[in-house]
Amino acid sequence: MEFREQQLDNGLQVIAECNPAAYSTALGFFVNTGSRDENGELWGVSHFLEHMVFKGTPKRSAADVNRELDELGSQSNAFTSEEQTVYYAKVLPELQSQVLELLCDILRPSLREEDFELEKQVILEEIAKYEDQPPYGAHEKCMAVHFGDHPLARSVLGTNDSVGSLTPEQMRGYFEHRYSPGNITLAAAGNVDFDQLADDAQRWSGSWQPYSAARETPAASGKTGFRLIEKPSSVQQYVVQVADGPAAEDEQRYAARLLSTIVGDDSGSRLFWDLVDTGLAEYASMGAYEFQGAGIMMTFLACEPDQASDNLARIRDAFVEVQRDGVTEAELTRAKSKTCSHIILQSERPTSRLFSVGSNWVQRREYKTVRQLVDSYRSITCDDIQQFLKRFPLTTNTTVAVGPLTELSV
């Protein structure tokens, strides 16, 4: 495989991991914008804008966009996170230019007022849906408490009030700056004709006008605390705990991910054997998540309400034990095997490599081969895990519980 990159005159980055042996081509626009880039008045606009991008352009109606994607036989979608909005498609290699022209077109949407008002109702219904179904947005509520006034405290969806008061003019202003070509990366993976990709990008996006699109990435020192949210309609108790972790640019992120596998993987981890396999909880897991300037270790628990206090005590005991004694060589070896096997197996799919290559470039401006990524995990030692735990103790965390309980000991 070969990695290639080129920057257009207007600042748009074009990158690709080219694999001539692949049977498909995956490509997507990674826009360096998300909920952390919104102020209070614009809360939720990034996700709202993701919806609006598919509502038509000066050349195409919304029906045209959907019909052409279908005619190309593409597997396509979009998503918004705290830091990125991504539009992607997977097609046969011979359709690379056609799908890129379509993606370039929708990245300059009409943003018509009538579409805006209709889609606003869809977003408000989506917010209501997540408030009305398990786990009731518990992880975003926990991040809000943990990060306080830091930009990462903002939920991706926004609120009823923030979305309800958004105007088309506000969205257009946000789009003009955040969707500046210098704030966008066109990434591709699989059977990619890079020269054609770069030429087509210049043809269809080279005229995009650049604007300033700075992002503040302050370091975050999360708060500690507890919040209990009563949800009488809930059958189970849902608990999320957030502890500080390494940022996207921090090399300790590899130790963090391996530790989360040892402590809270959804099969074969310490929490799995103690809580899930024994029937004490429906799920109990942990994951490491990195952002620019900050990171978190997030623990999830779902169980019968009358078992919640005891299960939280068990989780705390697990945290205390691993901080005191570290992990064993056998546990670390298993975690490396799981993680590296997953990376290698996923790498056979161009779409998986697209997300890995694209996100890595947007967050860190670096490219890592599958081999380099695997080697980064295999180099981690038990001492590295211990050093991570000294810097980021799991027992120093924020807890948010949502469910029928009116009291809960933590």
Protein backbone atom coordinates (compact mmCIF):
# COMPACT_ATOMS: atom_id res chain seq x y z
CA MET A 1 0.00 0.00 0.00
CA GLU A 2 1.06 3.57 -0.67
CA PHE A 3 0.15 6.73 1.22
CA ARG A 4 -0.13 9.92 -0.81
CA GLU A 5 -1.08 13.48 0.01
CA GLN A 6 -1.59 16.76 -1.78
CA GLN A 7 -2.89 20.17 -0.76
CA LEU A 8 -4.98 22.30 -3.11
CA ASP A 9 -4.26 26.00 -3.45
CA ASN A 10 -7.32 26.84 -1.35
CA GLY A 11 -6.05 24.68 1.53
CA LEU A 12 -8.09 21.50 1.04
CA GLN A 13 -6.07 18.43 2.02
CA VAL A 14 -6.31 15.34 -0.19
CA ILE A 15 -4.91 12.11 1.29
CA ALA A 16 -5.22 8.45 0.37
CA GLU A 17 -4.00 5.01 1.34
CA CYS A 18 -3.87 3.33 -2.07
CA ASN A 19 -4.27 -0.44 -2.25
CA PRO A 20 -4.45 -1.70 -5.86
CA ALA A 21 -5.45 -5.17 -4.62
CA ALA A 22 -8.67 -3.92 -3.00
CA TYR A 23 -12.01 -4.53 -4.68
CA SER A 24 -13.65 -1.26 -3.56
CA THR A 25 -12.92 2.39 -2.97
CA ALA A 26 -13.95 4.36 0.11
CA LEU A 27 -13.73 8.12 0.24
CA GLY A 28 -15.08 10.87 2.41
CA PHE A 29 -14.86 14.48 3.47
CA PHE A 30 -13.67 14.94 7.05
CA VAL A 31 -14.78 18.38 8.17
CA ASN A 32 -12.90 19.55 11.25
CA THR A 33 -16.00 20.77 13.03
CA GLY A 34 -18.30 19.48 15.75
CA SER A 35 -20.09 20.39 18.94
CA ARG A 36 -16.91 21.68 20.61
CA ASP A 37 -16.77 24.47 17.99
CA GLU A 38 -20.21 25.84 18.81
CA ASN A 39 -21.05 28.63 21.22
CA GLY A 40 -24.22 28.69 23.30
CA GLU A 41 -26.37 30.21 20.57
CA LEU A 42 -25.15 27.69 17.99
CA TRP A 43 -25.37 24.59 20.17
CA GLY A 44 -26.37 21.68 17.90
CA VAL A 45 -25.70 23.46 14.61
CA SER A 46 -22.98 21.01 13.43
CA HIS A 47 -25.32 18.04 13.62
CA PHE A 48 -28.20 20.07 12.18
CA LEU A 49 -25.97 21.10 9.27
CA GLU A 50 -25.07 17.47 8.60
CA HIS A 51 -28.76 16.86 7.91
CA MET A 52 -29.07 19.96 5.74
CA VAL A 53 -26.19 18.94 3.48
CA PHE A 54 -28.41 16.21 2.04
CA LYS A 55 -31.34 18.57 1.36
CA GLY A 56 -30.20 19.67 -2.06
CA THR A 57 -27.81 21.95 -3.91
CA PRO A 58 -28.15 24.50 -6.74
CA LYS A 59 -27.66 21.54 -9.12
CA ARG A 60 -29.54 18.76 -7.33
CA SER A 61 -32.70 18.35 -5.29
CA ALA A 62 -32.71 16.16 -2.18
CA ALA A 63 -34.41 13.46 -4.26
CA ASP A 64 -31.64 13.71 -6.87
CA VAL A 65 -28.95 13.24 -4.21
CA ASN A 66 -30.60 10.12 -2.79
CA ARG A 67 -31.39 8.69 -6.24
CA GLU A 68 -27.84 9.14 -7.53
CA LEU A 69 -26.29 7.60 -4.44
CA ASP A 70 -28.62 4.65 -4.95
CA GLU A 71 -27.81 4.40 -8.67
CA LEU A 72 -24.10 4.30 -7.89
CA GLY A 73 -24.71 1.33 -5.58
CA SER A 74 -22.85 3.18 -2.88
CA GLN A 75 -22.81 2.49 0.82
CA SER A 76 -22.91 6.05 2.09
CA ASN A 77 -23.72 7.97 5.22
CA ALA A 78 -22.63 10.82 7.47
CA PHE A 79 -22.08 11.43 11.18
CA THR A 80 -21.24 14.25 13.57
CA SER A 81 -19.14 14.02 16.71
CA GLU A 82 -17.63 16.46 19.18
CA GLU A 83 -14.81 17.19 16.73
CA GLN A 84 -15.69 16.02 13.21
CA THR A 85 -18.49 15.90 10.68
CA VAL A 86 -17.84 13.16 8.12
CA TYR A 87 -19.54 12.45 4.78
CA TYR A 88 -18.48 9.19 3.16
CA ALA A 89 -19.27 6.63 0.49
CA LYS A 90 -17.95 3.24 -0.62
CA VAL A 91 -18.21 2.34 -4.30
CA LEU A 92 -16.65 0.22 -7.00
CA PRO A 93 -13.29 1.70 -8.12
CA GLU A 94 -14.58 2.68 -11.56
CA LEU A 95 -17.18 4.95 -9.91
CA GLN A 96 -14.64 6.97 -7.91
CA SER A 97 -14.99 10.15 -9.98
CA GLN A 98 -18.78 10.03 -10.11
CA VAL A 99 -19.26 9.69 -6.38
CA LEU A 100 -16.65 12.35 -5.66
CA GLU A 101 -18.45 14.83 -7.92
CA LEU A 102 -21.65 14.13 -6.01
CA LEU A 103 -19.98 14.52 -2.59
CA CYS A 104 -18.31 17.74 -3.70
CA ASP A 105 -21.67 19.09 -4.82
CA ILE A 106 -23.51 18.32 -1.58
CA LEU A 107 -20.67 19.88 0.42
CA ARG A 108 -21.95 23.17 -0.99
CA PRO A 109 -25.66 22.86 -0.10
CA SER A 110 -28.39 25.39 -0.81
CA LEU A 111 -29.44 25.70 2.87
CA ARG A 112 -32.93 26.82 1.89
CA GLU A 113 -35.10 28.27 4.63
CA GLU A 114 -38.06 25.96 3.90
CA ASP A 115 -35.78 22.91 4.25
CA PHE A 116 -34.30 24.39 7.40
CA GLU A 117 -37.66 24.69 9.15
CA LEU A 118 -38.74 21.18 8.16
CA GLU A 119 -35.48 19.61 9.26
CA LYS A 120 -35.54 21.51 12.55
CA GLN A 121 -38.60 19.48 13.52
CA VAL A 122 -36.74 16.26 12.64
CA ILE A 123 -33.84 17.30 14.92
CA LEU A 124 -36.18 18.20 17.78
CA GLU A 125 -37.86 14.79 17.45
CA GLU A 126 -34.42 13.15 17.51
CA ILE A 127 -33.56 14.98 20.73
CA ALA A 128 -36.85 13.85 22.25
CA LYS A 129 -36.22 10.27 21.12
CA TYR A 130 -32.87 10.04 22.90
CA GLU A 131 -34.37 11.54 26.04
CA ASP A 132 -37.12 8.95 25.95
CA GLN A 133 -35.17 5.74 25.34
CA PRO A 134 -32.37 3.99 27.26
CA PRO A 135 -29.82 5.06 28.31
CA TYR A 136 -31.46 8.50 28.08
CA GLY A 137 -28.34 10.35 26.96
CA ALA A 138 -26.50 9.38 30.14
CA HIS A 139 -23.02 9.55 28.59
CA GLU A 140 -23.52 13.10 27.26
CA LYS A 141 -25.00 14.17 30.59
CA CYS A 142 -21.92 12.75 32.32
CA MET A 143 -19.55 14.56 29.95
CA ALA A 144 -21.44 17.79 30.61
CA VAL A 145 -20.93 17.44 34.36
CA HIS A 146 -17.33 16.27 34.02
CA PHE A 147 -16.15 18.98 31.62
CA GLY A 148 -18.16 21.85 33.07
CA ASP A 149 -17.50 24.99 30.99
CA HIS A 150 -15.02 23.25 28.66
CA PRO A 151 -16.14 23.00 24.97
CA LEU A 152 -16.29 19.19 25.21
CA ALA A 153 -19.18 19.50 27.65
CA ARG A 154 -21.53 20.33 24.77
CA SER A 155 -23.70 17.48 23.48
CA VAL A 156 -23.71 16.82 19.76
CA LEU A 157 -27.48 17.13 19.39
CA GLY A 158 -27.86 20.38 21.29
CA THR A 159 -31.01 21.11 23.28
CA ASN A 160 -34.63 21.90 22.48
CA ASP A 161 -33.98 25.55 23.27
CA SER A 162 -30.73 25.90 21.32
CA VAL A 163 -31.96 24.07 18.22
CA GLY A 164 -35.39 25.64 18.42
CA SER A 165 -33.94 29.16 18.36
CA LEU A 166 -31.40 28.57 15.55
CA THR A 167 -31.92 30.64 12.41
CA PRO A 168 -30.94 29.94 8.80
CA GLU A 169 -28.63 32.98 8.89
CA GLN A 170 -26.74 31.58 11.88
CA MET A 171 -26.31 28.24 10.13
CA ARG A 172 -25.10 29.89 6.92
CA GLY A 173 -22.54 31.93 8.84
CA TYR A 174 -21.30 28.84 10.67
CA PHE A 175 -21.11 26.89 7.42
CA GLU A 176 -19.15 29.60 5.61
CA HIS A 177 -16.34 29.52 8.17
CA ARG A 178 -16.29 25.96 9.47
CA TYR A 179 -16.68 24.37 6.00
CA SER A 180 -13.74 26.37 4.68
CA PRO A 181 -11.52 24.16 2.43
CA GLY A 182 -8.56 24.59 4.78
CA ASN A 183 -10.69 22.98 7.49
CA ILE A 184 -11.60 19.94 5.37
CA THR A 185 -9.71 16.78 4.45
CA LEU A 186 -10.70 14.59 1.52
CA ALA A 187 -9.56 11.09 2.47
CA ALA A 188 -9.70 7.85 0.51
CA ALA A 189 -8.72 4.22 1.03
CA GLY A 190 -8.83 1.02 -0.96
CA ASN A 191 -8.42 0.83 -4.74
CA VAL A 192 -7.78 4.55 -5.24
CA ASP A 193 -6.57 6.33 -8.36
CA PHE A 194 -4.87 9.17 -6.49
CA ASP A 195 -3.90 11.30 -9.47
CA GLN A 196 -7.49 11.22 -10.67
CA LEU A 197 -8.72 11.92 -7.14
CA ALA A 198 -6.53 15.02 -6.81
CA ASP A 199 -7.47 16.26 -10.29
CA ASP A 200 -11.17 15.77 -9.61
CA ALA A 201 -10.91 17.47 -6.22
CA GLN A 202 -9.31 20.47 -7.90
CA ARG A 203 -12.00 20.52 -10.58
CA TRP A 204 -14.97 20.34 -8.24
CA SER A 205 -13.74 21.93 -5.01
CA GLY A 206 -10.79 24.09 -6.08
CA SER A 207 -13.07 27.15 -6.30
CA TRP A 208 -14.24 26.89 -2.68
CA GLN A 209 -13.32 30.11 -0.90
CA PRO A 210 -11.11 29.85 2.20
CA TYR A 211 -12.02 31.46 5.53
CA SER A 212 -10.50 31.40 8.97
CA ALA A 213 -11.62 28.34 10.95
CA ALA A 214 -9.57 28.27 14.14
CA ARG A 215 -10.31 25.83 16.94
CA GLU A 216 -9.50 26.28 20.60
CA THR A 217 -8.10 23.08 22.15
CA PRO A 218 -7.61 23.91 25.82
CA ALA A 219 -6.43 21.17 28.13
CA ALA A 220 -9.14 19.85 30.40
CA SER A 221 -8.98 18.78 33.99
CA GLY A 222 -12.30 17.11 34.59
CA LYS A 223 -14.41 17.68 37.63
CA THR A 224 -15.50 15.02 40.07
CA GLY A 225 -18.99 14.66 41.34
CA PHE A 226 -22.24 12.75 41.28
CA ARG A 227 -25.61 13.43 39.70
CA LEU A 228 -28.71 11.27 40.02
CA ILE A 229 -31.44 11.78 37.41
CA GLU A 230 -34.77 10.17 38.21
CA LYS A 231 -36.50 8.45 35.29
CA PRO A 232 -39.55 6.64 36.70
CA SER A 233 -40.35 4.97 33.36
CA SER A 234 -36.99 3.22 33.23
CA VAL A 235 -36.82 -0.45 34.18
CA GLN A 236 -33.04 -0.51 34.67
CA GLN A 237 -30.54 1.85 36.26
CA TYR A 238 -27.99 3.29 33.83
CA VAL A 239 -24.72 4.63 35.20
CA VAL A 240 -21.87 6.35 33.39
CA GLN A 241 -18.54 7.27 34.98
CA VAL A 242 -15.96 9.54 33.34
CA ALA A 243 -12.33 9.86 34.42
CA ASP A 244 -9.62 11.91 32.75
CA GLY A 245 -7.51 10.20 30.10
CA PRO A 246 -4.86 11.03 27.49
CA ALA A 247 -5.59 13.45 24.64
CA ALA A 248 -5.46 12.53 20.95
CA GLU A 249 -1.86 13.70 20.65
CA ASP A 250 -0.71 11.88 23.81
CA GLU A 251 1.30 8.67 23.29
CA GLN A 252 -0.24 7.21 26.46
CA ARG A 253 -3.43 6.66 24.46
CA TYR A 254 -2.19 3.18 23.52
CA ALA A 255 -1.81 2.22 27.18
CA ALA A 256 -5.26 3.67 27.86
CA ARG A 257 -6.93 1.55 25.20
CA LEU A 258 -5.22 -1.64 26.34
CA LEU A 259 -6.15 -0.93 29.96
CA SER A 260 -9.78 -0.39 28.97
CA THR A 261 -9.71 -3.79 27.25
CA ILE A 262 -8.29 -5.49 30.36
CA VAL A 263 -10.68 -3.81 32.79
CA GLY A 264 -13.83 -3.32 30.76
CA ASP A 265 -13.91 -5.07 27.41
CA ASP A 266 -17.38 -6.49 26.66
CA SER A 267 -16.01 -10.04 26.85
CA GLY A 268 -13.23 -11.53 28.93
CA SER A 269 -12.45 -8.41 30.99
CA ARG A 270 -12.40 -7.99 34.76
CA LEU A 271 -15.76 -6.22 34.81
CA PHE A 272 -17.25 -8.80 32.45
CA TRP A 273 -16.33 -11.75 34.65
CA ASP A 274 -17.30 -9.98 37.87
CA LEU A 275 -20.58 -8.38 36.83
CA VAL A 276 -21.89 -9.61 33.48
CA ASP A 277 -20.98 -13.29 33.53
CA THR A 278 -22.36 -13.55 37.07
CA GLY A 279 -25.68 -12.02 36.04
CA LEU A 280 -25.31 -8.96 38.26
CA ALA A 281 -25.45 -6.53 35.33
CA GLU A 282 -26.69 -6.49 31.76
CA TYR A 283 -23.48 -4.76 30.74
CA ALA A 284 -20.45 -3.26 32.44
CA SER A 285 -17.75 -1.95 30.15
CA MET A 286 -15.06 0.68 29.70
CA GLY A 287 -13.69 2.60 26.73
CA ALA A 288 -10.95 5.15 26.09
CA TYR A 289 -11.86 8.21 24.02
CA GLU A 290 -9.46 10.90 22.83
CA PHE A 291 -10.06 14.45 21.67
CA GLN A 292 -7.71 17.27 20.80
CA GLY A 293 -6.33 18.57 24.09
CA ALA A 294 -8.26 16.16 26.31
CA GLY A 295 -9.30 12.53 26.76
CA ILE A 296 -11.52 10.39 28.94
CA MET A 297 -11.96 6.88 30.28
CA MET A 298 -15.69 6.15 30.24
CA THR A 299 -17.33 3.30 32.15
CA PHE A 300 -20.88 2.08 31.44
CA LEU A 301 -23.19 0.08 33.71
CA ALA A 302 -26.75 -1.15 33.23
CA CYS A 303 -28.42 -3.32 35.86
CA GLU A 304 -31.44 -3.88 38.06
CA PRO A 305 -31.97 -0.80 40.26
CA ASP A 306 -31.62 -2.73 43.52
CA GLN A 307 -28.18 -3.96 42.43
CA ALA A 308 -26.81 -0.60 41.31
CA SER A 309 -25.12 0.41 44.59
CA ASP A 310 -23.42 -2.96 45.06
CA ASN A 311 -22.31 -3.03 41.42
CA LEU A 312 -20.82 0.45 41.67
CA ALA A 313 -18.94 -0.68 44.75
CA ARG A 314 -17.61 -3.65 42.78
CA ILE A 315 -16.49 -1.36 39.98
CA ARG A 316 -14.73 0.91 42.44
CA ASP A 317 -13.01 -2.11 44.00
CA ALA A 318 -11.84 -3.12 40.52
CA PHE A 319 -10.42 0.36 39.97
CA VAL A 320 -8.67 0.38 43.35
CA GLU A 321 -7.19 -3.05 42.69
CA VAL A 322 -5.79 -2.22 39.26
CA GLN A 323 -4.35 1.08 40.52
CA ARG A 324 -2.67 -0.72 43.41
CA ASP A 325 -1.48 -3.88 41.70
CA GLY A 326 -1.42 -3.00 38.00
CA VAL A 327 -2.10 -5.65 35.36
CA THR A 328 -0.48 -9.01 34.75
CA GLU A 329 1.65 -9.97 31.78
CA ALA A 330 -0.98 -12.53 30.79
CA GLU A 331 -3.75 -9.91 30.81
CA LEU A 332 -1.64 -7.50 28.76
CA THR A 333 -0.77 -10.20 26.23
CA ARG A 334 -4.46 -11.06 25.77
CA ALA A 335 -5.38 -7.39 25.41
CA LYS A 336 -2.70 -6.89 22.76
CA SER A 337 -3.89 -9.96 20.89
CA LYS A 338 -7.51 -8.76 20.91
CA THR A 339 -6.65 -5.22 19.92
CA CYS A 340 -4.15 -6.06 17.20
CA SER A 341 -6.34 -8.80 15.73
CA HIS A 342 -9.23 -6.34 15.53
CA ILE A 343 -7.04 -3.73 13.81
CA ILE A 344 -5.73 -6.22 11.25
CA LEU A 345 -9.10 -7.79 10.50
CA GLN A 346 -10.75 -4.38 10.15
CA SER A 347 -7.96 -3.19 7.87
CA GLU A 348 -9.21 -5.55 5.16
CA ARG A 349 -12.18 -3.22 4.71
CA PRO A 350 -11.44 0.05 2.85
CA THR A 351 -14.16 1.84 4.84
CA SER A 352 -12.47 0.96 8.14
CA ARG A 353 -9.14 2.20 6.83
CA LEU A 354 -10.85 5.37 5.59
CA PHE A 355 -12.02 6.22 9.11
CA SER A 356 -8.68 5.30 10.66
CA VAL A 357 -6.56 7.21 8.14
CA GLY A 358 -8.93 10.19 7.93
CA SER A 359 -9.45 10.67 11.66
CA ASN A 360 -5.77 10.18 12.41
CA TRP A 361 -4.87 12.86 9.86
CA VAL A 362 -7.50 15.33 11.08
CA GLN A 363 -6.56 14.90 14.74
CA ARG A 364 -2.79 14.57 14.52
CA ARG A 365 -1.72 15.30 10.93
CA GLU A 366 0.03 11.94 10.79
CA TYR A 367 -0.31 8.69 8.88
CA LYS A 368 0.31 5.28 10.39
CA THR A 369 0.35 2.01 8.52
CA VAL A 370 -1.42 -0.98 9.99
CA ARG A 371 1.99 -2.39 10.94
CA GLN A 372 3.02 0.81 12.71
CA LEU A 373 -0.26 0.91 14.59
CA VAL A 374 0.06 -2.71 15.69
CA ASP A 375 3.67 -2.13 16.77
CA SER A 376 2.56 0.85 18.89
CA TYR A 377 0.28 -1.44 20.89
CA ARG A 378 2.72 -4.33 21.09
CA SER A 379 5.39 -2.05 22.56
CA ILE A 380 3.30 -1.27 25.67
CA THR A 381 4.54 -2.83 28.92
CA CYS A 382 2.98 -3.41 32.32
CA ASP A 383 5.07 -0.51 33.60
CA ASP A 384 3.51 1.71 30.93
CA ILE A 385 0.07 0.77 32.23
CA GLN A 386 1.16 1.57 35.79
CA GLN A 387 2.54 4.96 34.72
CA PHE A 388 -0.74 5.71 33.00
CA LEU A 389 -2.71 4.87 36.15
CA LYS A 390 -0.53 7.14 38.26
CA ARG A 391 -1.26 10.01 35.91
CA PHE A 392 -4.94 9.21 35.31
CA PRO A 393 -6.44 7.41 38.34
CA LEU A 394 -9.72 5.72 37.48
CA THR A 395 -11.10 6.33 40.96
CA THR A 396 -11.09 10.09 40.38
CA ASN A 397 -14.21 10.37 38.28
CA THR A 398 -17.61 11.87 37.65
CA THR A 399 -20.70 9.68 37.98
CA VAL A 400 -24.14 10.22 36.43
CA ALA A 401 -26.94 7.73 37.06
CA VAL A 402 -30.27 7.70 35.23
CA GLY A 403 -33.16 5.44 36.22
CA PRO A 404 -36.00 4.88 38.68
CA LEU A 405 -33.90 5.27 41.84
CA THR A 406 -34.30 8.39 43.99
CA GLU A 407 -31.25 7.51 46.08
CA LEU A 408 -28.00 5.81 45.13
CA SER A 409 -24.78 5.26 47.05
CA VAL A 410 -21.56 5.72 45.10
